[in-house]
């Protein structure tokens, strides 16, 4: 479950919020001035998110290397065409 709280409420109920995350695997979205600014998630989920981000960074780096000698507009057009082809297969 995802709970949304403002920063003041979060600060006042930190212990309870930690228990929600630790024991119920909930996530807490913390907002300030009505805008989300942070999230509290369990450590296992955070680890998975970090690994996914590392993989994403590696993949985007490989794509950037592969298209390094291609003008930006041509590279973007090629990527758009591939995406359109894949979406058409569904």
C-alpha atoms as a PDB file:
ATOM      1  CA  UNK A   1       0.000   0.000   0.000  1.00  0.00           C
ATOM      2  CA  UNK A   2       1.175   3.530  -0.729  1.00  0.00           C
ATOM      3  CA  UNK A   3       0.423   6.209   1.843  1.00  0.00           C
ATOM      4  CA  UNK A   4       0.788   9.905   1.130  1.00  0.00           C
ATOM      5  CA  UNK A   5       1.602  12.259   4.007  1.00  0.00           C
ATOM      6  CA  UNK A   6       2.849  15.794   4.380  1.00  0.00           C
ATOM      7  CA  UNK A   7       6.272  16.450   5.887  1.00  0.00           C
ATOM      8  CA  UNK A   8       4.909  17.653   9.237  1.00  0.00           C
ATOM      9  CA  UNK A   9       2.725  14.553   9.667  1.00  0.00           C
ATOM     10  CA  UNK A  10       5.644  12.347   8.632  1.00  0.00           C
ATOM     11  CA  UNK A  11       7.967  13.973  11.162  1.00  0.00           C
ATOM     12  CA  UNK A  12       5.376  13.637  13.946  1.00  0.00           C
ATOM     13  CA  UNK A  13       4.716   9.958  13.170  1.00  0.00           C
ATOM     14  CA  UNK A  14       8.136   8.764  12.038  1.00  0.00           C
ATOM     15  CA  UNK A  15       8.204   5.655  14.259  1.00  0.00           C
ATOM     16  CA  UNK A  16       4.789   4.497  13.085  1.00  0.00           C
ATOM     17  CA  UNK A  17       5.724   5.162   9.460  1.00  0.00           C
ATOM     18  CA  UNK A  18       8.934   3.143   9.800  1.00  0.00           C
ATOM     19  CA  UNK A  19       6.898   0.249  11.199  1.00  0.00           C
ATOM     20  CA  UNK A  20       4.478   0.451   8.250  1.00  0.00           C
ATOM     21  CA  UNK A  21       7.377   0.196   5.831  1.00  0.00           C
ATOM     22  CA  UNK A  22       9.298  -2.474   7.741  1.00  0.00           C
ATOM     23  CA  UNK A  23       6.509  -4.814   8.766  1.00  0.00           C
ATOM     24  CA  UNK A  24       3.771  -4.222   6.179  1.00  0.00           C
ATOM     25  CA  UNK A  25       6.008  -3.396   3.195  1.00  0.00           C
ATOM     26  CA  UNK A  26       4.071  -0.179   2.664  1.00  0.00           C
ATOM     27  CA  UNK A  27       5.594   2.813   0.926  1.00  0.00           C
ATOM     28  CA  UNK A  28       5.240   6.397   2.123  1.00  0.00           C
ATOM     29  CA  UNK A  29       5.230   9.374  -0.238  1.00  0.00           C
ATOM     30  CA  UNK A  30       6.177  12.558   1.610  1.00  0.00           C
ATOM     31  CA  UNK A  31       4.953  15.874   0.263  1.00  0.00           C
ATOM     32  CA  UNK A  32       5.892  19.441   1.029  1.00  0.00           C
ATOM     33  CA  UNK A  33       3.670  22.327  -0.005  1.00  0.00           C
ATOM     34  CA  UNK A  34       1.418  19.797  -1.737  1.00  0.00           C
ATOM     35  CA  UNK A  35       4.182  18.389  -3.956  1.00  0.00           C
ATOM     36  CA  UNK A  36       5.815  14.958  -3.524  1.00  0.00           C
ATOM     37  CA  UNK A  37       9.473  15.389  -2.532  1.00  0.00           C
ATOM     38  CA  UNK A  38      10.556  11.998  -1.190  1.00  0.00           C
ATOM     39  CA  UNK A  39       9.496   8.417  -0.632  1.00  0.00           C
ATOM     40  CA  UNK A  40      10.197   5.955   2.144  1.00  0.00           C
ATOM     41  CA  UNK A  41      10.386   2.368   0.914  1.00  0.00           C
ATOM     42  CA  UNK A  42      11.701  -0.834   2.459  1.00  0.00           C
ATOM     43  CA  UNK A  43      15.396  -1.549   1.981  1.00  0.00           C
ATOM     44  CA  UNK A  44      14.827  -4.564  -0.292  1.00  0.00           C
ATOM     45  CA  UNK A  45      12.741  -2.529  -2.736  1.00  0.00           C
ATOM     46  CA  UNK A  46      15.286   0.275  -2.641  1.00  0.00           C
ATOM     47  CA  UNK A  47      18.023  -2.227  -3.532  1.00  0.00           C
ATOM     48  CA  UNK A  48      16.009  -3.465  -6.522  1.00  0.00           C
ATOM     49  CA  UNK A  49      15.403   0.100  -7.669  1.00  0.00           C
ATOM     50  CA  UNK A  50      19.133   0.856  -7.470  1.00  0.00           C
ATOM     51  CA  UNK A  51      20.018  -2.252  -9.499  1.00  0.00           C
ATOM     52  CA  UNK A  52      17.422  -1.375 -12.133  1.00  0.00           C
ATOM     53  CA  UNK A  53      18.780   2.150 -12.365  1.00  0.00           C
ATOM     54  CA  UNK A  54      22.331   0.842 -12.763  1.00  0.00           C
ATOM     55  CA  UNK A  55      21.188  -1.461 -15.587  1.00  0.00           C
ATOM     56  CA  UNK A  56      19.290   1.388 -17.220  1.00  0.00           C
ATOM     57  CA  UNK A  57      22.370   3.623 -17.039  1.00  0.00           C
ATOM     58  CA  UNK A  58      24.489   0.875 -18.606  1.00  0.00           C
ATOM     59  CA  UNK A  59      21.995   0.364 -21.436  1.00  0.00           C
ATOM     60  CA  UNK A  60      21.647   4.063 -22.175  1.00  0.00           C
ATOM     61  CA  UNK A  61      25.435   4.351 -22.179  1.00  0.00           C
ATOM     62  CA  UNK A  62      25.676   1.550 -24.741  1.00  0.00           C
ATOM     63  CA  UNK A  63      23.029   3.207 -26.895  1.00  0.00           C
ATOM     64  CA  UNK A  64      24.844   6.552 -26.678  1.00  0.00           C
ATOM     65  CA  UNK A  65      28.091   4.869 -27.768  1.00  0.00           C
ATOM     66  CA  UNK A  66      26.376   3.092 -30.654  1.00  0.00           C
ATOM     67  CA  UNK A  67      24.867   6.345 -31.921  1.00  0.00           C
ATOM     68  CA  UNK A  68      27.865   8.585 -31.139  1.00  0.00           C
ATOM     69  CA  UNK A  69      28.692   9.185 -34.804  1.00  0.00           C
ATOM     70  CA  UNK A  70      25.079   9.611 -35.911  1.00  0.00           C
ATOM     71  CA  UNK A  71      23.526  13.103 -36.027  1.00  0.00           C
ATOM     72  CA  UNK A  72      20.956  13.503 -33.240  1.00  0.00           C
ATOM     73  CA  UNK A  73      17.936  13.919 -35.523  1.00  0.00           C
ATOM     74  CA  UNK A  74      18.837  10.773 -37.507  1.00  0.00           C
ATOM     75  CA  UNK A  75      19.396   8.755 -34.335  1.00  0.00           C
ATOM     76  CA  UNK A  76      16.099   9.858 -32.830  1.00  0.00           C
ATOM     77  CA  UNK A  77      14.300   9.058 -36.090  1.00  0.00           C
ATOM     78  CA  UNK A  78      15.824   5.547 -36.093  1.00  0.00           C
ATOM     79  CA  UNK A  79      14.805   4.981 -32.479  1.00  0.00           C
ATOM     80  CA  UNK A  80      11.260   6.259 -33.163  1.00  0.00           C
ATOM     81  CA  UNK A  81      10.957   3.910 -36.143  1.00  0.00           C
ATOM     82  CA  UNK A  82      12.073   0.902 -34.090  1.00  0.00           C
ATOM     83  CA  UNK A  83       9.651   1.766 -31.298  1.00  0.00           C
ATOM     84  CA  UNK A  84       6.796   2.141 -33.803  1.00  0.00           C
ATOM     85  CA  UNK A  85       7.664  -1.241 -35.330  1.00  0.00           C
ATOM     86  CA  UNK A  86       7.640  -2.934 -31.925  1.00  0.00           C
ATOM     87  CA  UNK A  87       4.346  -1.324 -30.932  1.00  0.00           C
ATOM     88  CA  UNK A  88       2.815  -2.460 -34.226  1.00  0.00           C
ATOM     89  CA  UNK A  89       3.594  -6.102 -33.352  1.00  0.00           C
ATOM     90  CA  UNK A  90       1.243  -6.064 -30.375  1.00  0.00           C
END
